[in-house]
Amino acid sequence: MSAEEIETDQLKLSQNNDRCDVPEGWGEESLSAFIEFANRNTYGTFVHYKDWFARLQQIDATFDKFSATMLNVPVFYEPFLFVRSHSSYRAAIRLASSGQVPEALSLLRGCIEYALYGFYLNKFPTAIKTWTERDDNEAGKKKARKELTFGRLLSELDKSNVSVGKATRHLYELTIDAGAHPNRKTITLAMRPQETDELVSFDLAQLNNDPIMLIMTLKTCAQVGLCCLKIFRLVFRERFDLLGISDDIEKLSHPVGLIPL
């Protein structure tokens, strides 16, 4: 399906799905109009990319399975980092499905970082003090910056599980290259040149409906979600096994090459 066909269907959806609960004035200026069109794009993604959206829903349900049974967890901070990682996963899908591709990648980077912190603090409980006292004073901030680096966290993950560490490193770099940092690709991938006899102009879309980019981003959402679940399995292994989450992760990881292990 071409980008033009998707855009046409999204417009039809916008015109034919009027809601009575829209507040007065909504969509009459640029910001709420942008948000509304982003929402309509999300509906279009739900309709036209059902297979990918279904996979993302299955991964989300796996996150939820653990969240629903989080009573009596024998650690304190790790469950909260799990919730934040899950929330970042959902937020990334919300942006990705609307066409906000680079912005979605920034959130996926955060999703990975929450999982890495959960793993590291569980493996090294003494680091919790460093983490919680980071903002108390300048000395605490310097100590946290020195100890809680991505390189150190990832190195410890490698020691615990080489394949998960490899996947995490790959996906983290991918999020940076594709949007989590303000680099060249975040501009050129969404840029469309317009050329006439008189001038050359460039259109940089904030909502991108290119099918290839959209599928790539939805796939990355799935990969990151599963990768973070694999990281948290190292923290909550017994509970993941008892709830069948470990089996769910393996089943969801194999189709369509979601995790590069």
C-alpha atoms as a PDB file:
ATOM      1  CA  MET A   1       0.000   0.000   0.000  1.00  0.00           C
ATOM      2  CA  SER A   2       1.389   3.380  -0.991  1.00  0.00           C
ATOM      3  CA  ALA A   3       1.822   6.355   1.303  1.00  0.00           C
ATOM      4  CA  GLU A   4      -0.805   8.225  -0.734  1.00  0.00           C
ATOM      5  CA  GLU A   5      -3.370   5.450  -0.215  1.00  0.00           C
ATOM      6  CA  ILE A   6      -2.714   5.373   3.513  1.00  0.00           C
ATOM      7  CA  GLU A   7      -2.991   9.149   3.750  1.00  0.00           C
ATOM      8  CA  THR A   8      -6.299   9.057   1.847  1.00  0.00           C
ATOM      9  CA  ASP A   9      -7.684   6.346   4.134  1.00  0.00           C
ATOM     10  CA  GLN A  10      -6.571   8.294   7.195  1.00  0.00           C
ATOM     11  CA  LEU A  11      -8.353  11.377   5.870  1.00  0.00           C
ATOM     12  CA  LYS A  12     -11.524   9.364   5.287  1.00  0.00           C
ATOM     13  CA  LEU A  13     -11.256   8.015   8.805  1.00  0.00           C
ATOM     14  CA  SER A  14     -10.910  11.546  10.118  1.00  0.00           C
ATOM     15  CA  GLN A  15     -13.990  12.689   8.201  1.00  0.00           C
ATOM     16  CA  ASN A  16     -16.188   9.688   8.977  1.00  0.00           C
ATOM     17  CA  ASN A  17     -15.413   9.187  12.636  1.00  0.00           C
ATOM     18  CA  ASP A  18     -16.665  12.405  14.212  1.00  0.00           C
ATOM     19  CA  ARG A  19     -16.971  12.153  17.978  1.00  0.00           C
ATOM     20  CA  CYS A  20     -19.449  13.906  20.204  1.00  0.00           C
ATOM     21  CA  ASP A  21     -16.980  14.139  23.101  1.00  0.00           C
ATOM     22  CA  VAL A  22     -14.504  16.494  21.397  1.00  0.00           C
ATOM     23  CA  PRO A  23     -14.280  19.685  23.481  1.00  0.00           C
ATOM     24  CA  GLU A  24     -15.229  23.002  21.955  1.00  0.00           C
ATOM     25  CA  GLY A  25     -12.333  24.617  20.129  1.00  0.00           C
ATOM     26  CA  TRP A  26     -10.400  21.378  19.682  1.00  0.00           C
ATOM     27  CA  GLY A  27      -8.577  21.277  16.355  1.00  0.00           C
ATOM     28  CA  GLU A  28      -9.157  24.955  15.620  1.00  0.00           C
ATOM     29  CA  GLU A  29      -5.509  25.941  16.131  1.00  0.00           C
ATOM     30  CA  SER A  30      -2.238  24.342  15.169  1.00  0.00           C
ATOM     31  CA  LEU A  31      -1.357  22.356  18.298  1.00  0.00           C
ATOM     32  CA  SER A  32      -4.636  20.518  18.921  1.00  0.00           C
ATOM     33  CA  ALA A  33      -5.059  20.070  15.143  1.00  0.00           C
ATOM     34  CA  PHE A  34      -1.637  18.395  15.046  1.00  0.00           C
ATOM     35  CA  ILE A  35      -2.520  16.122  17.960  1.00  0.00           C
ATOM     36  CA  GLU A  36      -5.829  15.213  16.353  1.00  0.00           C
ATOM     37  CA  PHE A  37      -4.196  14.333  13.045  1.00  0.00           C
ATOM     38  CA  ALA A  38      -1.573  12.271  14.915  1.00  0.00           C
ATOM     39  CA  ASN A  39      -4.420  10.396  16.600  1.00  0.00           C
ATOM     40  CA  ARG A  40      -6.020   9.716  13.211  1.00  0.00           C
ATOM     41  CA  ASN A  41      -2.716   8.404  11.924  1.00  0.00           C
ATOM     42  CA  THR A  42      -2.666   6.006  14.857  1.00  0.00           C
ATOM     43  CA  TYR A  43      -6.092   4.700  13.852  1.00  0.00           C
ATOM     44  CA  GLY A  44      -4.777   4.240  10.328  1.00  0.00           C
ATOM     45  CA  THR A  45      -1.798   2.248  11.605  1.00  0.00           C
ATOM     46  CA  PHE A  46      -4.134   0.067  13.659  1.00  0.00           C
ATOM     47  CA  VAL A  47      -6.214  -0.650  10.556  1.00  0.00           C
ATOM     48  CA  HIS A  48      -3.476  -1.131   7.942  1.00  0.00           C
ATOM     49  CA  TYR A  49      -0.738  -2.804   9.989  1.00  0.00           C
ATOM     50  CA  LYS A  50      -2.793  -5.273  11.990  1.00  0.00           C
ATOM     51  CA  ASP A  51      -0.095  -7.959  12.159  1.00  0.00           C
ATOM     52  CA  TRP A  52       2.480  -5.624  13.644  1.00  0.00           C
ATOM     53  CA  PHE A  53      -0.006  -3.994  15.987  1.00  0.00           C
ATOM     54  CA  ALA A  54      -1.154  -7.417  17.175  1.00  0.00           C
ATOM     55  CA  ARG A  55       2.433  -8.370  17.983  1.00  0.00           C
ATOM     56  CA  LEU A  56       2.900  -5.138  19.931  1.00  0.00           C
ATOM     57  CA  GLN A  57      -0.320  -5.890  21.829  1.00  0.00           C
ATOM     58  CA  GLN A  58       0.979  -9.353  22.750  1.00  0.00           C
ATOM     59  CA  ILE A  59       4.212  -7.892  24.077  1.00  0.00           C
ATOM     60  CA  ASP A  60       2.244  -5.286  26.021  1.00  0.00           C
ATOM     61  CA  ALA A  61       0.086  -8.048  27.526  1.00  0.00           C
ATOM     62  CA  THR A  62       3.277  -9.790  28.657  1.00  0.00           C
ATOM     63  CA  PHE A  63       4.370  -6.642  30.479  1.00  0.00           C
ATOM     64  CA  ASP A  64       0.900  -6.448  32.016  1.00  0.00           C
ATOM     65  CA  LYS A  65       1.005 -10.058  33.208  1.00  0.00           C
ATOM     66  CA  PHE A  66       3.869  -9.183  35.525  1.00  0.00           C
ATOM     67  CA  SER A  67       2.470  -5.790  36.580  1.00  0.00           C
ATOM     68  CA  ALA A  68      -0.802  -7.430  37.663  1.00  0.00           C
ATOM     69  CA  THR A  69       1.034  -9.732  40.089  1.00  0.00           C
ATOM     70  CA  MET A  70       3.552  -7.317  41.556  1.00  0.00           C
ATOM     71  CA  LEU A  71       2.432  -7.838  45.174  1.00  0.00           C
ATOM     72  CA  ASN A  72       5.040  -9.067  47.641  1.00  0.00           C
ATOM     73  CA  VAL A  73       7.980  -8.536  45.313  1.00  0.00           C
ATOM     74  CA  PRO A  74      11.069  -8.841  47.558  1.00  0.00           C
ATOM     75  CA  VAL A  75      12.818  -5.786  46.093  1.00  0.00           C
ATOM     76  CA  PHE A  76      11.820  -2.135  46.112  1.00  0.00           C
ATOM     77  CA  TYR A  77      13.062  -0.081  43.183  1.00  0.00           C
ATOM     78  CA  GLU A  78      13.191  -2.701  40.431  1.00  0.00           C
ATOM     79  CA  PRO A  79       9.382  -3.025  40.050  1.00  0.00           C
ATOM     80  CA  PHE A  80       9.033   0.748  39.657  1.00  0.00           C
ATOM     81  CA  LEU A  81      11.711   0.723  36.957  1.00  0.00           C
ATOM     82  CA  PHE A  82       9.787  -2.091  35.275  1.00  0.00           C
ATOM     83  CA  VAL A  83       6.666   0.087  35.231  1.00  0.00           C
ATOM     84  CA  ARG A  84       8.581   3.035  33.786  1.00  0.00           C
ATOM     85  CA  SER A  85      10.118   0.824  31.113  1.00  0.00           C
ATOM     86  CA  HIS A  86       6.659  -0.468  30.188  1.00  0.00           C
ATOM     87  CA  SER A  87       5.296   3.073  30.118  1.00  0.00           C
ATOM     88  CA  SER A  88       8.093   4.167  27.769  1.00  0.00           C
ATOM     89  CA  TYR A  89       7.318   1.189  25.517  1.00  0.00           C
ATOM     90  CA  ARG A  90       3.667   2.248  25.296  1.00  0.00           C
ATOM     91  CA  ALA A  91       4.554   5.890  24.718  1.00  0.00           C
ATOM     92  CA  ALA A  92       6.946   4.919  21.928  1.00  0.00           C
ATOM     93  CA  ILE A  93       4.223   2.906  20.193  1.00  0.00           C
ATOM     94  CA  ARG A  94       1.841   5.818  20.510  1.00  0.00           C
ATOM     95  CA  LEU A  95       4.303   8.114  18.750  1.00  0.00           C
ATOM     96  CA  ALA A  96       5.462   5.517  16.214  1.00  0.00           C
ATOM     97  CA  SER A  97       1.931   4.658  15.146  1.00  0.00           C
ATOM     98  CA  SER A  98       1.163   8.354  14.641  1.00  0.00           C
ATOM     99  CA  GLY A  99       4.184   8.814  12.377  1.00  0.00           C
ATOM    100  CA  GLN A 100       6.460  10.583  14.868  1.00  0.00           C
ATOM    101  CA  VAL A 101       9.357   8.270  14.108  1.00  0.00           C
ATOM    102  CA  PRO A 102      12.486   9.983  15.571  1.00  0.00           C
ATOM    103  CA  GLU A 103      10.535  10.922  18.692  1.00  0.00           C
ATOM    104  CA  ALA A 104       9.480   7.295  19.176  1.00  0.00           C
ATOM    105  CA  LEU A 105      13.100   6.178  19.027  1.00  0.00           C
ATOM    106  CA  SER A 106      14.010   8.578  21.842  1.00  0.00           C
ATOM    107  CA  LEU A 107      11.443   6.901  24.066  1.00  0.00           C
ATOM    108  CA  LEU A 108      12.659   3.436  23.107  1.00  0.00           C
ATOM    109  CA  ARG A 109      16.108   4.449  24.280  1.00  0.00           C
ATOM    110  CA  GLY A 110      14.576   5.382  27.637  1.00  0.00           C
ATOM    111  CA  CYS A 111      12.752   2.049  27.732  1.00  0.00           C
ATOM    112  CA  ILE A 112      16.097   0.246  27.491  1.00  0.00           C
ATOM    113  CA  GLU A 113      17.745   2.483  30.082  1.00  0.00           C
ATOM    114  CA  TYR A 114      15.025   1.842  32.675  1.00  0.00           C
ATOM    115  CA  ALA A 115      15.494  -1.904  32.193  1.00  0.00           C
ATOM    116  CA  LEU A 116      19.272  -1.635  32.477  1.00  0.00           C
ATOM    117  CA  TYR A 117      19.005   0.336  35.706  1.00  0.00           C
ATOM    118  CA  GLY A 118      16.606  -2.245  37.112  1.00  0.00           C
ATOM    119  CA  PHE A 119      19.062  -5.007  36.278  1.00  0.00           C
ATOM    120  CA  TYR A 120      22.123  -3.198  37.640  1.00  0.00           C
ATOM    121  CA  LEU A 121      20.530  -2.103  40.918  1.00  0.00           C
ATOM    122  CA  ASN A 122      19.317  -5.632  41.489  1.00  0.00           C
ATOM    123  CA  LYS A 123      22.753  -7.103  40.828  1.00  0.00           C
ATOM    124  CA  PHE A 124      24.523  -4.465  42.940  1.00  0.00           C
ATOM    125  CA  PRO A 125      22.182  -3.357  45.766  1.00  0.00           C
ATOM    126  CA  THR A 126      24.885  -1.083  47.175  1.00  0.00           C
ATOM    127  CA  ALA A 127      24.523   1.034  44.021  1.00  0.00           C
ATOM    128  CA  ILE A 128      21.002   1.962  45.080  1.00  0.00           C
ATOM    129  CA  LYS A 129      22.440   4.472  47.539  1.00  0.00           C
ATOM    130  CA  THR A 130      24.505   6.054  44.769  1.00  0.00           C
ATOM    131  CA  TRP A 131      21.445   6.205  42.533  1.00  0.00           C
ATOM    132  CA  THR A 132      19.027   7.627  45.114  1.00  0.00           C
ATOM    133  CA  GLU A 133      21.501  10.243  46.365  1.00  0.00           C
ATOM    134  CA  ARG A 134      22.408  11.489  42.901  1.00  0.00           C
ATOM    135  CA  ASP A 135      20.540  14.780  43.238  1.00  0.00           C
ATOM    136  CA  ASP A 136      21.338  15.452  46.901  1.00  0.00           C
ATOM    137  CA  ASN A 137      24.483  17.416  46.149  1.00  0.00           C
ATOM    138  CA  GLU A 138      27.239  17.886  43.586  1.00  0.00           C
ATOM    139  CA  ALA A 139      29.355  15.111  45.085  1.00  0.00           C
ATOM    140  CA  GLY A 140      26.463  12.672  44.771  1.00  0.00           C
ATOM    141  CA  LYS A 141      25.930  13.680  41.162  1.00  0.00           C
ATOM    142  CA  LYS A 142      29.604  13.154  40.295  1.00  0.00           C
ATOM    143  CA  LYS A 143      29.627   9.749  41.973  1.00  0.00           C
ATOM    144  CA  ALA A 144      26.517   8.633  40.094  1.00  0.00           C
ATOM    145  CA  ARG A 145      27.901   9.881  36.793  1.00  0.00           C
ATOM    146  CA  LYS A 146      31.090   7.935  37.363  1.00  0.00           C
ATOM    147  CA  GLU A 147      29.481   4.652  38.427  1.00  0.00           C
ATOM    148  CA  LEU A 148      26.143   4.508  36.633  1.00  0.00           C
ATOM    149  CA  THR A 149      27.391   4.774  33.068  1.00  0.00           C
ATOM    150  CA  PHE A 150      25.773   2.960  30.180  1.00  0.00           C
ATOM    151  CA  GLY A 151      29.064   1.207  29.468  1.00  0.00           C
ATOM    152  CA  ARG A 152      29.317  -0.213  32.992  1.00  0.00           C
ATOM    153  CA  LEU A 153      25.673  -1.261  33.092  1.00  0.00           C
ATOM    154  CA  LEU A 154      25.969  -2.976  29.733  1.00  0.00           C
ATOM    155  CA  SER A 155      29.241  -4.653  30.684  1.00  0.00           C
ATOM    156  CA  GLU A 156      27.574  -6.218  33.716  1.00  0.00           C
ATOM    157  CA  LEU A 157      24.654  -7.328  31.555  1.00  0.00           C
ATOM    158  CA  ASP A 158      27.109  -9.015  29.185  1.00  0.00           C
ATOM    159  CA  LYS A 159      28.575 -10.929  32.126  1.00  0.00           C
ATOM    160  CA  SER A 160      25.142 -12.198  33.152  1.00  0.00           C
ATOM    161  CA  ASN A 161      23.829 -13.032  29.687  1.00  0.00           C
ATOM    162  CA  VAL A 162      25.923 -12.515  26.571  1.00  0.00           C
ATOM    163  CA  SER A 163      23.053 -12.808  24.069  1.00  0.00           C
ATOM    164  CA  VAL A 164      20.815 -10.342  25.918  1.00  0.00           C
ATOM    165  CA  GLY A 165      23.746  -7.973  26.281  1.00  0.00           C
ATOM    166  CA  LYS A 166      24.454  -8.197  22.547  1.00  0.00           C
ATOM    167  CA  ALA A 167      20.812  -7.508  21.667  1.00  0.00           C
ATOM    168  CA  THR A 168      20.651  -4.598  24.110  1.00  0.00           C
ATOM    169  CA  ARG A 169      23.791  -3.006  22.717  1.00  0.00           C
ATOM    170  CA  HIS A 170      22.522  -3.375  19.140  1.00  0.00           C
ATOM    171  CA  LEU A 171      19.113  -1.878  19.883  1.00  0.00           C
ATOM    172  CA  TYR A 172      20.498   0.952  21.998  1.00  0.00           C
ATOM    173  CA  GLU A 173      22.808   2.010  19.175  1.00  0.00           C
ATOM    174  CA  LEU A 174      19.947   1.658  16.710  1.00  0.00           C
ATOM    175  CA  THR A 175      17.732   4.022  18.694  1.00  0.00           C
ATOM    176  CA  ILE A 176      20.536   6.584  18.814  1.00  0.00           C
ATOM    177  CA  ASP A 177      21.262   6.319  15.085  1.00  0.00           C
ATOM    178  CA  ALA A 178      17.584   6.534  14.111  1.00  0.00           C
ATOM    179  CA  GLY A 179      16.390   9.353  16.319  1.00  0.00           C
ATOM    180  CA  ALA A 180      17.396   9.339  19.980  1.00  0.00           C
ATOM    181  CA  HIS A 181      20.220  11.783  19.138  1.00  0.00           C
ATOM    182  CA  PRO A 182      19.844  14.824  16.839  1.00  0.00           C
ATOM    183  CA  ASN A 183      21.914  13.357  14.024  1.00  0.00           C
ATOM    184  CA  ARG A 184      21.719  13.533  10.226  1.00  0.00           C
ATOM    185  CA  LYS A 185      19.349  10.584   9.791  1.00  0.00           C
ATOM    186  CA  THR A 186      16.665  12.191  11.957  1.00  0.00           C
ATOM    187  CA  ILE A 187      16.435  14.894   9.295  1.00  0.00           C
ATOM    188  CA  THR A 188      17.212  13.217   5.986  1.00  0.00           C
ATOM    189  CA  LEU A 189      14.992  10.147   6.434  1.00  0.00           C
ATOM    190  CA  ALA A 190      11.882  12.310   6.744  1.00  0.00           C
ATOM    191  CA  MET A 191      12.879  14.940   4.198  1.00  0.00           C
ATOM    192  CA  ARG A 192      11.170  15.288   0.813  1.00  0.00           C
ATOM    193  CA  PRO A 193      12.723  17.559  -1.822  1.00  0.00           C
ATOM    194  CA  GLN A 194      10.429  19.717  -3.952  1.00  0.00           C
ATOM    195  CA  GLU A 195      12.009  21.073  -7.139  1.00  0.00           C
ATOM    196  CA  THR A 196      10.666  23.493  -9.750  1.00  0.00           C
ATOM    197  CA  ASP A 197      12.304  25.528 -12.487  1.00  0.00           C
ATOM    198  CA  GLU A 198      12.609  28.429 -10.073  1.00  0.00           C
ATOM    199  CA  LEU A 199      13.610  26.898  -6.749  1.00  0.00           C
ATOM    200  CA  VAL A 200      14.391  23.816  -4.696  1.00  0.00           C
ATOM    201  CA  SER A 201      12.681  23.390  -1.331  1.00  0.00           C
ATOM    202  CA  PHE A 202      12.613  20.677   1.296  1.00  0.00           C
ATOM    203  CA  ASP A 203       9.620  19.413   3.268  1.00  0.00           C
ATOM    204  CA  LEU A 204      10.496  17.916   6.660  1.00  0.00           C
ATOM    205  CA  ALA A 205       7.423  16.103   7.940  1.00  0.00           C
ATOM    206  CA  GLN A 206       6.655  15.913  11.651  1.00  0.00           C
ATOM    207  CA  LEU A 207       4.187  13.101  10.904  1.00  0.00           C
ATOM    208  CA  ASN A 208       5.745  10.576   8.547  1.00  0.00           C
ATOM    209  CA  ASN A 209       3.518   8.113   6.702  1.00  0.00           C
ATOM    210  CA  ASP A 210       6.172   6.322   4.667  1.00  0.00           C
ATOM    211  CA  PRO A 211       5.304   2.589   4.973  1.00  0.00           C
ATOM    212  CA  ILE A 212       8.916   1.401   5.096  1.00  0.00           C
ATOM    213  CA  MET A 213       9.854   3.788   7.893  1.00  0.00           C
ATOM    214  CA  LEU A 214       6.668   2.997   9.798  1.00  0.00           C
ATOM    215  CA  ILE A 215       7.184  -0.772   9.632  1.00  0.00           C
ATOM    216  CA  MET A 216      10.830  -0.355  10.639  1.00  0.00           C
ATOM    217  CA  THR A 217       9.813   1.665  13.686  1.00  0.00           C
ATOM    218  CA  LEU A 218       7.016  -0.713  14.717  1.00  0.00           C
ATOM    219  CA  LYS A 219       9.479  -3.605  14.433  1.00  0.00           C
ATOM    220  CA  THR A 220      11.988  -1.731  16.574  1.00  0.00           C
ATOM    221  CA  CYS A 221       9.272  -1.138  19.192  1.00  0.00           C
ATOM    222  CA  ALA A 222       8.659  -4.883  19.285  1.00  0.00           C
ATOM    223  CA  GLN A 223      12.369  -5.668  19.498  1.00  0.00           C
ATOM    224  CA  VAL A 224      12.974  -3.197  22.310  1.00  0.00           C
ATOM    225  CA  GLY A 225       9.913  -4.361  24.268  1.00  0.00           C
ATOM    226  CA  LEU A 226      11.056  -7.976  24.118  1.00  0.00           C
ATOM    227  CA  CYS A 227      14.645  -7.060  24.885  1.00  0.00           C
ATOM    228  CA  CYS A 228      13.580  -5.189  28.031  1.00  0.00           C
ATOM    229  CA  LEU A 229      11.468  -8.150  29.121  1.00  0.00           C
ATOM    230  CA  LYS A 230      14.545 -10.349  28.661  1.00  0.00           C
ATOM    231  CA  ILE A 231      16.556  -7.974  30.840  1.00  0.00           C
ATOM    232  CA  PHE A 232      13.913  -7.992  33.571  1.00  0.00           C
ATOM    233  CA  ARG A 233      13.763 -11.791  33.399  1.00  0.00           C
ATOM    234  CA  LEU A 234      17.299 -11.710  34.822  1.00  0.00           C
ATOM    235  CA  VAL A 235      15.878  -9.765  37.775  1.00  0.00           C
ATOM    236  CA  PHE A 236      12.609 -11.632  38.316  1.00  0.00           C
ATOM    237  CA  ARG A 237      13.477 -15.061  36.880  1.00  0.00           C
ATOM    238  CA  GLU A 238      11.481 -17.199  39.311  1.00  0.00           C
ATOM    239  CA  ARG A 239       8.327 -15.116  39.023  1.00  0.00           C
ATOM    240  CA  PHE A 240       8.623 -14.865  35.239  1.00  0.00           C
ATOM    241  CA  ASP A 241       8.922 -18.662  35.047  1.00  0.00           C
ATOM    242  CA  LEU A 242       5.975 -19.296  37.376  1.00  0.00           C
ATOM    243  CA  LEU A 243       3.717 -16.867  35.487  1.00  0.00           C
ATOM    244  CA  GLY A 244       4.661 -18.303  32.098  1.00  0.00           C
ATOM    245  CA  ILE A 245       6.217 -14.990  31.075  1.00  0.00           C
ATOM    246  CA  SER A 246       9.523 -16.640  30.208  1.00  0.00           C
ATOM    247  CA  ASP A 247       7.693 -18.933  27.769  1.00  0.00           C
ATOM    248  CA  ASP A 248       5.752 -15.988  26.348  1.00  0.00           C
ATOM    249  CA  ILE A 249       8.980 -14.077  25.693  1.00  0.00           C
ATOM    250  CA  GLU A 250      10.526 -16.987  23.814  1.00  0.00           C
ATOM    251  CA  LYS A 251       7.424 -17.535  21.680  1.00  0.00           C
ATOM    252  CA  LEU A 252       7.209 -13.861  20.792  1.00  0.00           C
ATOM    253  CA  SER A 253      10.926 -13.545  20.041  1.00  0.00           C
ATOM    254  CA  HIS A 254      11.257 -16.102  17.270  1.00  0.00           C
ATOM    255  CA  PRO A 255       8.739 -15.062  14.559  1.00  0.00           C
ATOM    256  CA  VAL A 256       9.925 -12.517  11.978  1.00  0.00           C
ATOM    257  CA  GLY A 257      13.343 -12.201  13.594  1.00  0.00           C
ATOM    258  CA  LEU A 258      12.324  -9.758  16.292  1.00  0.00           C
ATOM    259  CA  ILE A 259      15.398 -10.100  18.484  1.00  0.00           C
ATOM    260  CA  PRO A 260      18.877 -10.352  16.966  1.00  0.00           C
ATOM    261  CA  LEU A 261      20.151 -13.211  19.179  1.00  0.00           C
END
